[in-house]
Amino acid sequence: MKVQLENLTKRWGSVVGADHINLEIDDGEFVAFLGPSGCGKTTTLLMVAGIYKPTEGYIKFDDRVVNHLAPKDRNVGMVFQSYALYPHMTVLQNISYPLKLKKVPKEEMKERAQRVADMMGIGHLMDRKPAQLSGGQQQRVALGRALVKEPNLLMFDEPLSNLDARLRLSMRGEIKRLQMELGITSIYVTHDQVEAMTMADRIAVMKEGKLQAYSPPDELYDQPRTFFVAAFVGNPPMNFVDVEVVREDGDYHARREGFDLIVPSDQGEKAVGKGSVIMGIRPEDMTLADEGIAGEIYVVEPLGRDDLIDVRIGGASVYVLADPTLHLKIGDPVKLNFDAPKVQFFDPETEQSLLWTD
């Protein structure tokens, strides 16, 4: 099922939860709503589900406006952060409850619930109650309950937040695999960029109720359209340094105190002559080298596979990933080699990218 949001807005008096959201989700697509707490992602999801009524705008399912439809008439399935299982019911009763509301015959109800439970790997737990299940098993029951009604649209509201790191990793893969196999259009709300980047076909990044970007994960990462997107997406986060881009002898230089980097002409010409601009570079796009921009190590943070090094260059701070076998120490002098084509530039006033804005 295709989903379209047109100028979708939700206000409570002067408080704006979602502000003129426009996006389209293709049939069978997995889309993540990503952003910090309070950015409007859950508000938007609940409007699509029919739990909140929009203040303005339209929600369309396959080009049909559904603003007036009650949640039960939208044929959507929802999985919540809290699982929302009935503690007095068995797994079988929890999964089959949506079918009971639809007055599906008892035998068919049991058969469909068992089929979904087997698909989720919990078919042997049908007689247990939620208190007798692990967190991962409870999450599978909640997902099974959403799937058993055979929804046209599947929605997740931070469903993995209550699980430990290892279980989150395995459940991410299971949910994505299941969604691809079933081909159900899905919306996944999360504040975890790793979940969004690894699971979604496209990601809608939100801030203060506004849609900041709507792109595939690789485009979002490599071509951030705003300073907020560049700062929010990526772990460790992107480094930002105030520079001025000037042209000398045919080359474009990004300069500040103790820092002079030659950047490619197609990037430099978009930032030259604009005064102070924000330069962004990801930690993995710099390397320690024998030649390069000189700096001094301020902090070393061991991460296991890598060390995260805070290097001070003329008053600026940048983080770079380094090999732990180098045994770097605080105060060591180092030189950094920048992968210049990966550099980003942003307007400090509008916070828009100078490279990727249409």
Protein backbone atom coordinates (compact mmCIF):
# COMPACT_ATOMS: atom_id res chain seq x y z
CA MET A 1 0.00 0.00 0.00
CA LYS A 2 1.29 3.46 -0.91
CA VAL A 3 1.09 6.16 1.77
CA GLN A 4 1.09 9.91 1.10
CA LEU A 5 1.33 12.69 3.67
CA GLU A 6 0.38 16.13 2.37
CA ASN A 7 1.03 19.20 4.54
CA LEU A 8 0.33 17.05 7.59
CA THR A 9 0.22 19.26 10.68
CA LYS A 10 -0.67 18.72 14.33
CA ARG A 11 -1.00 21.58 16.81
CA TRP A 12 -2.14 21.81 20.41
CA GLY A 13 -2.75 25.54 20.81
CA SER A 14 0.63 27.20 20.28
CA VAL A 15 2.50 23.90 20.52
CA VAL A 16 3.37 22.38 17.14
CA GLY A 17 3.91 18.61 17.10
CA ALA A 18 4.26 18.20 13.34
CA ASP A 19 4.62 21.05 10.88
CA HIS A 20 3.50 20.58 7.25
CA ILE A 21 5.04 17.15 6.66
CA ASN A 22 5.13 16.13 2.99
CA LEU A 23 6.39 12.70 1.97
CA GLU A 24 5.39 9.61 0.02
CA ILE A 25 6.00 5.99 0.97
CA ASP A 26 5.97 3.48 -1.88
CA ASP A 27 4.18 0.16 -1.76
CA GLY A 28 6.28 -2.35 0.19
CA GLU A 29 8.82 0.28 1.29
CA PHE A 30 10.38 0.38 4.77
CA VAL A 31 10.66 3.99 5.95
CA ALA A 32 12.15 5.20 9.24
CA PHE A 33 11.15 8.39 11.05
CA LEU A 34 14.39 9.47 12.75
CA GLY A 35 15.07 12.28 15.18
CA PRO A 36 15.64 13.26 18.83
CA SER A 37 12.90 13.14 21.46
CA GLY A 38 10.20 15.74 20.83
CA CYS A 39 10.91 16.09 17.10
CA GLY A 40 7.40 14.98 16.01
CA LYS A 41 8.10 11.48 14.69
CA THR A 42 5.66 9.65 17.00
CA THR A 43 3.05 12.40 16.55
CA THR A 44 3.24 11.87 12.78
CA LEU A 45 3.01 8.10 13.20
CA LEU A 46 -0.08 8.37 15.43
CA MET A 47 -1.80 10.59 12.87
CA VAL A 48 -1.17 7.96 10.19
CA ALA A 49 -2.58 5.33 12.56
CA GLY A 50 -5.68 7.44 13.21
CA ILE A 51 -5.03 7.86 16.95
CA TYR A 52 -4.40 11.60 16.50
CA LYS A 53 -6.55 13.74 14.23
CA PRO A 54 -4.53 16.12 12.01
CA THR A 55 -5.00 19.85 12.49
CA GLU A 56 -4.26 20.36 8.81
CA GLY A 57 -3.31 18.28 5.81
CA TYR A 58 -4.18 14.88 4.40
CA ILE A 59 -3.24 11.25 4.87
CA LYS A 60 -3.76 9.10 1.79
CA PHE A 61 -3.66 5.31 1.47
CA ASP A 62 -3.38 4.36 -2.22
CA ASP A 63 -4.56 7.89 -3.19
CA ARG A 64 -7.63 7.62 -0.92
CA VAL A 65 -7.95 10.22 1.86
CA VAL A 66 -8.33 8.39 5.20
CA ASN A 67 -8.42 11.34 7.64
CA HIS A 68 -12.01 10.46 8.59
CA LEU A 69 -11.41 6.74 9.14
CA ALA A 70 -11.16 5.32 12.67
CA PRO A 71 -7.99 3.35 13.51
CA LYS A 72 -9.84 0.02 13.33
CA ASP A 73 -10.92 0.79 9.77
CA ARG A 74 -7.45 1.60 8.42
CA ASN A 75 -6.16 -2.00 8.53
CA VAL A 76 -2.87 -1.06 10.14
CA GLY A 77 -0.78 -3.04 12.63
CA MET A 78 1.17 -1.34 15.43
CA VAL A 79 4.06 -2.51 17.60
CA PHE A 80 4.74 -0.32 20.64
CA GLN A 81 7.85 0.26 22.75
CA SER A 82 6.11 -1.17 25.82
CA TYR A 83 4.82 -4.25 23.89
CA ALA A 84 1.34 -3.55 25.41
CA LEU A 85 0.58 -7.23 25.99
CA TYR A 86 -2.35 -8.35 28.14
CA PRO A 87 -0.73 -9.92 31.24
CA HIS A 88 -3.67 -12.21 32.04
CA MET A 89 -3.78 -13.70 28.52
CA THR A 90 -1.64 -16.44 27.02
CA VAL A 91 0.56 -15.92 23.98
CA LEU A 92 -2.16 -17.50 21.84
CA GLN A 93 -4.81 -15.18 23.26
CA ASN A 94 -2.61 -12.10 22.86
CA ILE A 95 -1.74 -12.84 19.24
CA SER A 96 -5.29 -13.78 18.25
CA TYR A 97 -6.99 -10.87 20.05
CA PRO A 98 -7.30 -8.65 16.92
CA LEU A 99 -9.05 -11.57 15.17
CA LYS A 100 -11.40 -12.00 18.12
CA LEU A 101 -12.45 -8.36 17.75
CA LYS A 102 -13.19 -9.07 14.08
CA LYS A 103 -15.28 -12.12 15.12
CA VAL A 104 -13.14 -14.53 13.11
CA PRO A 105 -14.25 -18.17 13.69
CA LYS A 106 -12.40 -19.82 16.58
CA GLU A 107 -10.62 -22.52 14.56
CA GLU A 108 -9.45 -20.08 11.88
CA MET A 109 -8.32 -17.68 14.60
CA LYS A 110 -6.21 -20.39 16.27
CA GLU A 111 -4.76 -21.56 12.95
CA ARG A 112 -3.72 -18.04 11.87
CA ALA A 113 -2.23 -17.27 15.28
CA GLN A 114 -0.23 -20.49 15.25
CA ARG A 115 1.05 -19.81 11.73
CA VAL A 116 2.24 -16.32 12.68
CA ALA A 117 3.78 -17.57 15.95
CA ASP A 118 5.71 -20.27 14.07
CA MET A 119 6.97 -17.60 11.68
CA MET A 120 8.17 -15.57 14.70
CA GLY A 121 9.84 -18.59 16.32
CA ILE A 122 7.52 -18.64 19.33
CA GLY A 123 5.09 -21.36 18.21
CA HIS A 124 6.09 -23.51 21.21
CA LEU A 125 5.19 -20.79 23.73
CA MET A 126 1.47 -20.44 22.99
CA ASP A 127 0.33 -21.45 26.49
CA ARG A 128 2.66 -19.11 28.38
CA LYS A 129 1.74 -15.69 29.75
CA PRO A 130 3.85 -12.53 29.20
CA ALA A 131 5.45 -12.71 32.66
CA GLN A 132 6.93 -16.08 31.70
CA LEU A 133 8.62 -14.68 28.58
CA SER A 134 11.92 -12.88 27.98
CA GLY A 135 11.97 -9.37 26.52
CA GLY A 136 12.76 -10.69 23.06
CA GLN A 137 9.92 -13.22 23.23
CA GLN A 138 7.48 -10.52 24.35
CA GLN A 139 8.57 -8.39 21.41
CA ARG A 140 7.89 -11.27 19.04
CA VAL A 141 4.40 -11.71 20.54
CA ALA A 142 3.69 -8.00 20.00
CA LEU A 143 4.91 -8.26 16.41
CA GLY A 144 2.87 -11.41 15.84
CA ARG A 145 -0.25 -9.68 17.13
CA ALA A 146 0.31 -6.87 14.62
CA LEU A 147 0.88 -9.31 11.74
CA VAL A 148 -1.98 -11.73 12.41
CA LYS A 149 -4.58 -9.26 11.14
CA GLU A 150 -2.70 -9.14 7.80
CA PRO A 151 -2.34 -5.34 7.77
CA ASN A 152 -1.71 -3.21 4.72
CA LEU A 153 0.58 -0.98 6.78
CA LEU A 154 2.85 -2.01 9.65
CA MET A 155 3.98 0.63 12.15
CA PHE A 156 6.65 0.46 14.85
CA ASP A 157 7.10 2.98 17.67
CA GLU A 158 10.64 2.50 19.06
CA PRO A 159 10.00 -1.26 19.45
CA LEU A 160 13.54 -2.27 20.42
CA SER A 161 14.31 0.37 23.07
CA ASN A 162 13.67 -1.98 25.99
CA LEU A 163 15.98 -4.74 24.73
CA ASP A 164 19.68 -5.24 25.45
CA ALA A 165 22.26 -4.41 22.77
CA ARG A 166 22.79 -7.98 21.48
CA LEU A 167 19.05 -8.68 21.26
CA ARG A 168 18.45 -5.35 19.50
CA LEU A 169 20.98 -6.39 16.87
CA SER A 170 19.29 -9.74 16.16
CA MET A 171 15.76 -8.29 16.26
CA ARG A 172 16.73 -5.58 13.74
CA GLY A 173 17.68 -8.28 11.29
CA GLU A 174 14.58 -10.36 11.99
CA ILE A 175 12.17 -7.45 11.55
CA LYS A 176 13.81 -6.36 8.29
CA ARG A 177 13.87 -9.91 6.92
CA LEU A 178 10.23 -10.46 7.84
CA GLN A 179 9.17 -7.15 6.31
CA MET A 180 10.94 -7.96 3.04
CA GLU A 181 9.45 -11.46 2.89
CA LEU A 182 5.91 -10.23 3.52
CA GLY A 183 6.26 -7.06 1.42
CA ILE A 184 4.25 -4.97 3.89
CA THR A 185 4.66 -1.19 3.72
CA SER A 186 6.24 -0.20 7.04
CA ILE A 187 6.94 2.92 9.10
CA TYR A 188 9.52 2.64 11.88
CA VAL A 189 9.93 5.39 14.49
CA THR A 190 13.31 5.55 16.21
CA HIS A 191 15.83 7.93 17.76
CA ASP A 192 18.57 5.37 17.07
CA GLN A 193 20.35 6.24 13.83
CA VAL A 194 21.90 2.75 13.61
CA GLU A 195 18.43 1.18 13.51
CA ALA A 196 17.32 3.65 10.84
CA MET A 197 20.46 3.29 8.71
CA THR A 198 20.53 -0.52 8.78
CA MET A 199 16.81 -1.21 8.34
CA ALA A 200 15.18 1.50 6.25
CA ASP A 201 14.93 1.95 2.49
CA ARG A 202 14.50 5.68 3.10
CA ILE A 203 14.84 7.80 6.23
CA ALA A 204 12.78 10.88 7.17
CA VAL A 205 14.88 13.01 9.54
CA MET A 206 12.81 15.33 11.73
CA LYS A 207 13.61 18.24 14.02
CA GLU A 208 11.13 20.37 16.00
CA GLY A 209 8.20 19.05 13.96
CA LYS A 210 9.77 19.80 10.59
CA LEU A 211 11.03 17.35 7.98
CA GLN A 212 14.75 17.99 7.52
CA ALA A 213 15.54 15.34 4.91
CA TYR A 214 13.98 12.31 3.24
CA SER A 215 16.55 10.14 1.50
CA PRO A 216 18.08 6.65 1.27
CA PRO A 217 20.61 5.98 4.08
CA ASP A 218 23.75 6.31 1.94
CA GLU A 219 22.62 9.64 0.47
CA LEU A 220 21.72 10.92 3.93
CA TYR A 221 25.18 10.01 5.17
CA ASP A 222 27.28 11.17 2.21
CA GLN A 223 25.23 14.18 1.07
CA PRO A 224 23.64 15.79 4.16
CA ARG A 225 21.39 18.67 3.13
CA THR A 226 21.50 20.49 6.48
CA PHE A 227 23.89 20.99 9.37
CA PHE A 228 21.43 19.15 11.66
CA VAL A 229 21.33 16.06 9.44
CA ALA A 230 25.13 16.01 9.18
CA ALA A 231 25.48 16.30 12.97
CA PHE A 232 22.76 13.79 13.86
CA VAL A 233 23.59 11.02 11.40
CA GLY A 234 26.87 9.23 11.96
CA ASN A 235 28.65 7.66 14.91
CA PRO A 236 31.15 8.97 15.89
CA PRO A 237 29.55 12.24 14.76
CA MET A 238 30.89 14.51 12.06
CA ASN A 239 33.54 17.08 13.02
CA PHE A 240 32.76 20.76 12.42
CA VAL A 241 35.29 23.57 12.08
CA ASP A 242 34.77 27.23 11.16
CA VAL A 243 36.88 28.07 8.09
CA GLU A 244 37.10 30.57 5.25
CA VAL A 245 37.45 29.28 1.70
CA VAL A 246 39.77 31.33 -0.53
CA ARG A 247 41.23 30.83 -4.00
CA GLU A 248 44.95 31.14 -4.59
CA ASP A 249 46.93 30.15 -7.71
CA GLY A 250 43.96 28.19 -9.02
CA ASP A 251 43.54 26.14 -5.82
CA TYR A 252 40.78 26.43 -3.22
CA HIS A 253 41.96 26.57 0.41
CA ALA A 254 39.85 26.03 3.54
CA ARG A 255 41.69 28.04 6.17
CA ARG A 256 41.67 28.94 9.83
CA GLU A 257 44.38 29.37 12.49
CA GLY A 258 46.86 26.51 12.16
CA PHE A 259 44.84 24.92 9.38
CA ASP A 260 45.12 25.06 5.59
CA LEU A 261 43.41 22.36 3.49
CA ILE A 262 43.24 22.30 -0.32
CA VAL A 263 39.75 21.15 -1.37
CA PRO A 264 38.47 20.04 -4.80
CA SER A 265 37.43 22.88 -7.09
CA ASP A 266 33.81 21.72 -7.47
CA GLN A 267 33.41 22.00 -3.68
CA GLY A 268 35.59 25.04 -3.18
CA GLU A 269 33.82 27.19 -5.76
CA LYS A 270 30.50 26.73 -3.90
CA ALA A 271 31.99 28.01 -0.63
CA VAL A 272 34.53 30.59 -1.81
CA GLY A 273 33.81 34.24 -1.07
CA LYS A 274 31.11 33.49 1.51
CA GLY A 275 33.18 34.52 4.52
CA SER A 276 33.20 32.17 7.50
CA VAL A 277 31.53 28.82 6.71
CA ILE A 278 31.21 25.55 8.63
CA MET A 279 33.39 22.75 7.31
CA GLY A 280 32.37 19.20 8.17
CA ILE A 281 34.44 16.01 7.95
CA ARG A 282 33.73 12.56 9.41
CA PRO A 283 36.30 10.89 11.72
CA GLU A 284 36.75 7.98 9.30
CA ASP A 285 37.65 10.42 6.48
CA MET A 286 40.89 11.44 8.19
CA THR A 287 44.01 9.39 8.87
CA LEU A 288 47.17 9.82 10.87
CA ALA A 289 50.10 10.24 8.48
CA ASP A 290 53.71 11.34 8.17
CA GLU A 291 52.64 14.44 6.24
CA GLY A 292 49.60 16.61 6.77
CA ILE A 293 48.07 19.17 9.11
CA ALA A 294 49.86 19.26 12.47
CA GLY A 295 48.01 18.86 15.75
CA GLU A 296 48.32 17.55 19.29
CA ILE A 297 46.41 14.72 20.96
CA TYR A 298 44.11 16.00 23.69
CA VAL A 299 42.25 12.80 24.63
CA VAL A 300 42.44 9.11 23.64
CA GLU A 301 39.20 7.09 23.93
CA PRO A 302 39.66 3.31 23.39
CA LEU A 303 36.70 1.79 21.53
CA GLY A 304 38.10 -1.71 21.09
CA ARG A 305 38.54 -2.05 17.34
CA ASP A 306 39.63 1.62 17.07
CA ASP A 307 40.81 4.44 19.29
CA LEU A 308 38.88 7.71 19.04
CA ILE A 309 41.44 10.49 19.16
CA ASP A 310 40.61 14.10 20.00
CA VAL A 311 43.18 16.21 18.15
CA ARG A 312 43.55 19.96 18.75
CA ILE A 313 44.55 22.03 15.71
CA GLY A 314 45.03 25.73 16.32
CA GLY A 315 42.17 25.99 18.81
CA ALA A 316 39.86 23.64 16.89
CA SER A 317 39.00 20.12 18.01
CA VAL A 318 38.55 17.19 15.61
CA TYR A 319 38.02 13.50 16.30
CA VAL A 320 39.79 10.87 14.20
CA LEU A 321 39.79 7.06 14.35
CA ALA A 322 43.18 5.44 14.85
CA ASP A 323 44.69 1.96 15.14
CA PRO A 324 44.99 0.97 18.84
CA THR A 325 48.36 -0.69 18.13
CA LEU A 326 49.85 2.80 17.65
CA HIS A 327 49.55 3.27 21.46
CA LEU A 328 48.99 7.00 21.14
CA LYS A 329 49.10 9.12 24.29
CA ILE A 330 47.78 12.48 25.42
CA GLY A 331 50.16 15.25 24.33
CA ASP A 332 51.66 13.35 21.37
CA PRO A 333 52.15 15.48 18.23
CA VAL A 334 50.41 14.04 15.15
CA LYS A 335 49.72 14.95 11.54
CA LEU A 336 46.35 14.45 9.88
CA ASN A 337 45.70 13.60 6.24
CA PHE A 338 42.20 14.71 5.15
CA ASP A 339 40.19 12.94 2.42
CA ALA A 340 39.34 16.33 0.89
CA PRO A 341 36.57 15.13 -1.51
CA LYS A 342 34.59 14.02 1.58
CA VAL A 343 34.57 17.54 3.09
CA GLN A 344 31.17 19.23 3.55
CA PHE A 345 30.39 22.97 3.75
CA PHE A 346 27.41 24.60 5.48
CA ASP A 347 26.09 28.16 5.69
CA PRO A 348 26.35 29.17 9.39
CA GLU A 349 23.20 31.33 9.20
CA THR A 350 20.77 29.10 7.28
CA GLU A 351 22.50 25.82 8.29
CA GLN A 352 21.88 24.59 4.72
CA SER A 353 24.53 22.68 2.81
CA LEU A 354 26.47 24.73 0.30
CA LEU A 355 27.17 21.57 -1.73
CA TRP A 356 23.90 19.64 -1.93
CA THR A 357 21.08 22.19 -1.67
CA ASP A 358 19.01 22.28 -4.86
